Amino acid sequence: MGGFEGHLYPGLSFFFYGLYHAQLVSRALICNAPVQYPPRHPWSKGRWARLWQIYYIGLLKILSACILVAQELHSIPRQFVLISKMYHQRNFMFRKQWQHLTLYMTFLLSGCVDMVSQNLLPKRCAALEQGAQALGMFIFLPLMVSHLQDTEGVELQSHVLLTQAMFLLTLVVTAELWAPNMLLLWTMKAFLYMITGSWLMHIGFMLFKPISGYQWMDDDRNDIMFVTTFFCWHVIFSAILMIWIYGFSFWWYCYIFVKA
């Protein structure tokens, strides 16, 4: 996730995935329905009837992973190799790029598992989907910790806060394996996905395209302290957005959807 686009696109993916989970949780609370199984459209005999029965979240994960992989490969200036042999020595090349691709492959695997479970198996296996999601978090967390080794100042502080959010998200998805239908865990998961996504996008702007036009200074304590302040604002923003989504869902399911 190097460069501006390397932070923006994964951040958008996490953020919209969090919005999707927030909508599922709101619907489950309002309609007293299972959170893991959103209702399907009734079967019809139209030409494109089967398309209305497909769950598209897995396909969107696959497309997002492919876009991220393409963006990462496009950003590499020269031949992309794993090992380079120069002067009779073995050198690993593009260490961060290989970490990024490893992470994106877990997104791709999670999307494939979702597609198979939701659309191809005779009975949906939610535990398999959650296991693939947890696997992605288990891989994401050590990669983020490894990323901290070559950073300092503002970049270090921002990534430490991102790692903190990812650690909490990993705990939630792990606990979800034993309590798959607990709404509190789903609420926390949606909340942390939105925080992770919005903060990842903010890091991209902060490090590569600052809105003010002035670069953040690693040796300025005020800049480093305001990184934490901005992160707290993202937490508050995500909480307000969760409340708004619940309010809109209540209005939709209790007034508009019922009349329709």
Protein backbone atom coordinates (compact mmCIF):
# COMPACT_ATOMS: atom_id res chain seq x y z
CA MET A 1 0.00 0.00 0.00
CA GLY A 2 2.68 2.43 -0.99
CA GLY A 3 1.86 5.81 -2.48
CA PHE A 4 -1.37 7.74 -2.50
CA GLU A 5 -3.38 5.24 -4.56
CA GLY A 6 -2.01 2.37 -2.47
CA HIS A 7 -3.71 3.89 0.59
CA LEU A 8 -6.82 5.27 -1.12
CA TYR A 9 -8.10 2.14 -2.86
CA PRO A 10 -7.71 -0.29 0.08
CA GLY A 11 -9.21 2.37 2.34
CA LEU A 12 -12.26 2.69 0.11
CA SER A 13 -12.65 -1.10 0.08
CA PHE A 14 -12.54 -1.32 3.88
CA PHE A 15 -14.84 1.65 4.33
CA PHE A 16 -17.56 0.45 1.95
CA TYR A 17 -17.32 -3.05 3.43
CA GLY A 18 -17.94 -1.48 6.83
CA LEU A 19 -20.95 0.41 5.45
CA TYR A 20 -22.31 -2.88 4.10
CA HIS A 21 -21.99 -4.52 7.52
CA ALA A 22 -23.55 -1.50 9.22
CA GLN A 23 -26.57 -1.85 6.93
CA LEU A 24 -26.84 -5.57 7.73
CA VAL A 25 -26.70 -4.92 11.47
CA SER A 26 -29.30 -2.15 11.27
CA ARG A 27 -31.66 -4.35 9.26
CA ALA A 28 -31.21 -7.22 11.72
CA LEU A 29 -31.97 -4.99 14.72
CA ILE A 30 -35.01 -3.36 13.16
CA CYS A 31 -36.55 -6.39 11.45
CA ASN A 32 -35.47 -8.93 14.10
CA ALA A 33 -33.88 -11.00 11.33
CA PRO A 34 -30.64 -13.03 11.14
CA VAL A 35 -27.76 -10.71 10.43
CA GLN A 36 -25.87 -13.18 8.23
CA TYR A 37 -28.68 -13.92 5.81
CA PRO A 38 -30.08 -10.86 4.02
CA PRO A 39 -33.39 -11.63 2.27
CA ARG A 40 -33.36 -12.73 -1.34
CA HIS A 41 -35.72 -11.45 -3.97
CA PRO A 42 -38.55 -13.91 -4.69
CA TRP A 43 -38.04 -16.23 -7.60
CA SER A 44 -39.46 -15.09 -10.93
CA LYS A 45 -39.53 -16.57 -14.40
CA GLY A 46 -37.95 -13.66 -16.23
CA ARG A 47 -34.95 -14.01 -18.50
CA TRP A 48 -32.58 -12.48 -15.96
CA ALA A 49 -34.31 -13.91 -12.89
CA ARG A 50 -31.27 -15.88 -11.73
CA LEU A 51 -29.15 -12.71 -11.51
CA TRP A 52 -31.48 -11.34 -8.83
CA GLN A 53 -30.75 -14.36 -6.65
CA ILE A 54 -26.97 -13.89 -6.57
CA TYR A 55 -25.12 -12.44 -3.60
CA TYR A 56 -22.68 -9.95 -5.08
CA ILE A 57 -20.52 -9.15 -2.07
CA GLY A 58 -18.06 -11.94 -2.91
CA LEU A 59 -17.80 -10.75 -6.51
CA LEU A 60 -17.11 -7.21 -5.31
CA LYS A 61 -14.32 -8.52 -3.08
CA ILE A 62 -12.76 -10.31 -6.04
CA LEU A 63 -12.98 -7.23 -8.26
CA SER A 64 -11.50 -5.04 -5.51
CA ALA A 65 -8.60 -7.45 -5.02
CA CYS A 66 -7.90 -7.53 -8.77
CA ILE A 67 -7.91 -3.72 -8.94
CA LEU A 68 -5.54 -3.50 -5.99
CA VAL A 69 -3.18 -6.06 -7.53
CA ALA A 70 -3.20 -4.23 -10.87
CA GLN A 71 -2.50 -0.90 -9.15
CA GLU A 72 0.37 -2.41 -7.15
CA LEU A 73 2.00 -3.99 -10.21
CA HIS A 74 1.59 -0.78 -12.20
CA SER A 75 3.43 1.21 -9.53
CA ILE A 76 6.59 -0.95 -9.76
CA PRO A 77 9.15 0.91 -11.90
CA ARG A 78 11.18 -2.11 -13.09
CA GLN A 79 11.07 -5.88 -13.45
CA PHE A 80 9.12 -7.45 -10.59
CA VAL A 81 11.10 -10.35 -9.12
CA LEU A 82 11.36 -12.03 -5.75
CA ILE A 83 15.13 -12.65 -5.60
CA SER A 84 17.94 -10.84 -7.36
CA LYS A 85 21.40 -12.37 -7.63
CA MET A 86 24.01 -9.67 -7.88
CA TYR A 87 27.71 -9.95 -7.08
CA HIS A 88 27.19 -13.58 -6.04
CA GLN A 89 24.73 -12.57 -3.32
CA ARG A 90 21.07 -13.35 -2.83
CA ASN A 91 18.90 -10.28 -2.27
CA PHE A 92 15.16 -10.22 -1.70
CA MET A 93 13.53 -7.52 -3.83
CA PHE A 94 10.39 -5.39 -3.41
CA ARG A 95 9.73 -6.51 0.15
CA LYS A 96 6.79 -4.15 0.72
CA GLN A 97 5.22 -4.87 -2.67
CA TRP A 98 5.29 -8.61 -1.95
CA GLN A 99 3.64 -7.93 1.40
CA HIS A 100 0.91 -5.90 -0.31
CA LEU A 101 0.26 -8.64 -2.86
CA THR A 102 0.10 -11.24 -0.09
CA LEU A 103 -2.55 -9.16 1.62
CA TYR A 104 -4.55 -8.69 -1.58
CA MET A 105 -4.49 -12.42 -2.22
CA THR A 106 -6.26 -12.96 1.10
CA PHE A 107 -8.97 -10.53 -0.06
CA LEU A 108 -9.26 -12.52 -3.27
CA LEU A 109 -9.48 -15.79 -1.34
CA SER A 110 -12.19 -14.36 0.93
CA GLY A 111 -14.18 -13.23 -2.10
CA CYS A 112 -13.90 -16.64 -3.75
CA VAL A 113 -15.02 -18.35 -0.55
CA ASP A 114 -18.02 -16.00 -0.32
CA MET A 115 -19.01 -16.68 -3.92
CA VAL A 116 -18.79 -20.45 -3.49
CA SER A 117 -20.58 -20.50 -0.14
CA GLN A 118 -23.37 -18.05 -1.03
CA ASN A 119 -24.08 -19.02 -4.62
CA LEU A 120 -22.75 -22.50 -5.41
CA LEU A 121 -23.08 -24.70 -2.32
CA PRO A 122 -26.48 -26.35 -1.68
CA LYS A 123 -26.47 -24.76 1.79
CA ARG A 124 -24.62 -21.62 2.70
CA CYS A 125 -21.64 -22.18 5.04
CA ALA A 126 -21.29 -18.95 7.01
CA ALA A 127 -18.54 -20.43 9.20
CA LEU A 128 -16.39 -20.93 6.10
CA GLU A 129 -16.88 -17.29 5.09
CA GLN A 130 -16.00 -16.03 8.55
CA GLY A 131 -12.96 -18.29 8.68
CA ALA A 132 -11.64 -16.82 5.42
CA GLN A 133 -12.29 -13.32 6.75
CA ALA A 134 -10.42 -14.10 9.98
CA LEU A 135 -7.52 -15.55 7.96
CA GLY A 136 -7.21 -12.24 6.13
CA MET A 137 -7.03 -10.36 9.43
CA PHE A 138 -4.43 -12.78 10.81
CA ILE A 139 -2.25 -12.01 7.78
CA PHE A 140 -2.97 -8.27 7.70
CA LEU A 141 -1.93 -7.65 11.31
CA PRO A 142 1.68 -9.01 11.18
CA LEU A 143 2.19 -7.31 7.83
CA MET A 144 1.20 -3.97 9.37
CA VAL A 145 3.57 -4.54 12.29
CA SER A 146 6.35 -5.29 9.82
CA HIS A 147 5.58 -2.06 7.95
CA LEU A 148 6.45 -0.05 11.06
CA GLN A 149 10.14 -0.95 10.84
CA ASP A 150 11.09 1.61 8.17
CA THR A 151 8.90 4.48 9.34
CA GLU A 152 9.33 7.41 11.68
CA GLY A 153 7.58 10.56 12.82
CA VAL A 154 4.15 11.23 11.34
CA GLU A 155 4.15 8.08 9.21
CA LEU A 156 5.05 5.92 12.21
CA GLN A 157 2.37 7.45 14.43
CA SER A 158 -0.34 7.14 11.79
CA HIS A 159 0.50 3.49 11.10
CA VAL A 160 0.65 2.66 14.82
CA LEU A 161 -2.92 3.93 15.14
CA LEU A 162 -3.93 1.94 12.06
CA THR A 163 -2.35 -1.17 13.58
CA GLN A 164 -4.30 -0.55 16.77
CA ALA A 165 -7.58 -0.52 14.85
CA MET A 166 -6.56 -3.64 12.93
CA PHE A 167 -5.68 -5.42 16.17
CA LEU A 168 -9.14 -4.72 17.61
CA LEU A 169 -10.74 -5.80 14.34
CA THR A 170 -8.76 -9.05 14.44
CA LEU A 171 -10.03 -9.73 17.97
CA VAL A 172 -13.61 -9.12 16.88
CA VAL A 173 -13.52 -11.40 13.82
CA THR A 174 -11.80 -14.08 15.94
CA ALA A 175 -14.50 -13.90 18.61
CA GLU A 176 -17.09 -14.04 15.83
CA LEU A 177 -15.93 -17.55 14.95
CA TRP A 178 -17.38 -18.76 18.26
CA ALA A 179 -20.37 -16.37 18.36
CA PRO A 180 -21.32 -15.91 14.69
CA ASN A 181 -24.76 -14.40 15.31
CA MET A 182 -23.96 -11.95 18.11
CA LEU A 183 -25.13 -8.52 16.95
CA LEU A 184 -22.71 -6.71 19.25
CA LEU A 185 -19.74 -8.29 17.47
CA TRP A 186 -21.20 -7.43 14.07
CA THR A 187 -21.71 -3.84 15.20
CA MET A 188 -18.12 -3.58 16.39
CA LYS A 189 -16.89 -5.17 13.18
CA ALA A 190 -18.75 -2.65 11.01
CA PHE A 191 -17.50 0.18 13.22
CA LEU A 192 -13.85 -0.92 13.04
CA TYR A 193 -13.98 -1.57 9.29
CA MET A 194 -15.17 2.00 8.74
CA ILE A 195 -12.50 3.41 11.06
CA THR A 196 -9.79 1.40 9.31
CA GLY A 197 -10.96 2.43 5.86
CA SER A 198 -11.41 6.12 6.56
CA TRP A 199 -8.10 6.36 8.44
CA LEU A 200 -6.23 4.53 5.69
CA MET A 201 -7.53 7.06 3.16
CA HIS A 202 -6.57 9.90 5.52
CA ILE A 203 -3.02 8.52 5.74
CA GLY A 204 -2.79 8.67 1.94
CA PHE A 205 -3.78 12.33 1.89
CA MET A 206 -1.65 13.18 4.92
CA LEU A 207 1.58 11.63 3.61
CA PHE A 208 1.31 12.16 -0.13
CA LYS A 209 -1.31 14.81 -0.92
CA PRO A 210 -1.86 17.04 2.11
CA ILE A 211 -5.01 19.12 1.66
CA SER A 212 -3.34 22.21 3.14
CA GLY A 213 -0.54 22.01 0.59
CA TYR A 214 2.11 21.82 3.33
CA GLN A 215 3.99 18.63 4.12
CA TRP A 216 3.69 17.16 7.61
CA MET A 217 6.95 17.45 9.56
CA ASP A 218 8.36 14.40 11.32
CA ASP A 219 10.32 16.51 13.79
CA ASP A 220 7.34 18.68 14.78
CA ARG A 221 5.64 17.47 17.96
CA ASN A 222 2.49 19.40 17.10
CA ASP A 223 2.12 17.49 13.83
CA ILE A 224 2.62 14.13 15.56
CA MET A 225 0.12 14.99 18.30
CA PHE A 226 -2.48 16.14 15.77
CA VAL A 227 -2.19 12.79 14.00
CA THR A 228 -3.72 11.20 17.09
CA THR A 229 -6.32 13.97 17.31
CA PHE A 230 -7.40 13.37 13.72
CA PHE A 231 -7.64 9.64 14.38
CA CYS A 232 -9.99 10.33 17.30
CA TRP A 233 -12.10 12.47 14.99
CA HIS A 234 -12.34 9.51 12.62
CA VAL A 235 -13.59 7.37 15.50
CA ILE A 236 -16.27 9.95 16.33
CA PHE A 237 -17.21 10.31 12.65
CA SER A 238 -17.64 6.54 12.28
CA ALA A 239 -19.83 6.40 15.40
CA ILE A 240 -22.06 9.22 14.10
CA LEU A 241 -22.26 7.50 10.71
CA MET A 242 -23.32 4.25 12.38
CA ILE A 243 -26.14 6.11 14.17
CA TRP A 244 -27.21 7.79 10.92
CA ILE A 245 -27.30 4.46 9.07
CA TYR A 246 -29.47 2.97 11.80
CA GLY A 247 -31.83 5.96 11.68
CA PHE A 248 -32.12 5.82 7.91
CA SER A 249 -32.66 2.06 8.00
CA PHE A 250 -35.39 2.48 10.62
CA TRP A 251 -37.17 5.02 8.41
CA TRP A 252 -36.73 2.79 5.35
CA TYR A 253 -37.88 -0.53 6.81
CA CYS A 254 -40.63 0.84 9.05
CA TYR A 255 -42.21 3.33 6.64
CA ILE A 256 -41.01 3.08 3.04
CA PHE A 257 -40.34 -0.65 2.65
CA VAL A 258 -43.60 -1.62 4.38
CA LYS A 259 -45.68 0.57 2.06
CA ALA A 260 -43.87 -0.79 -0.98
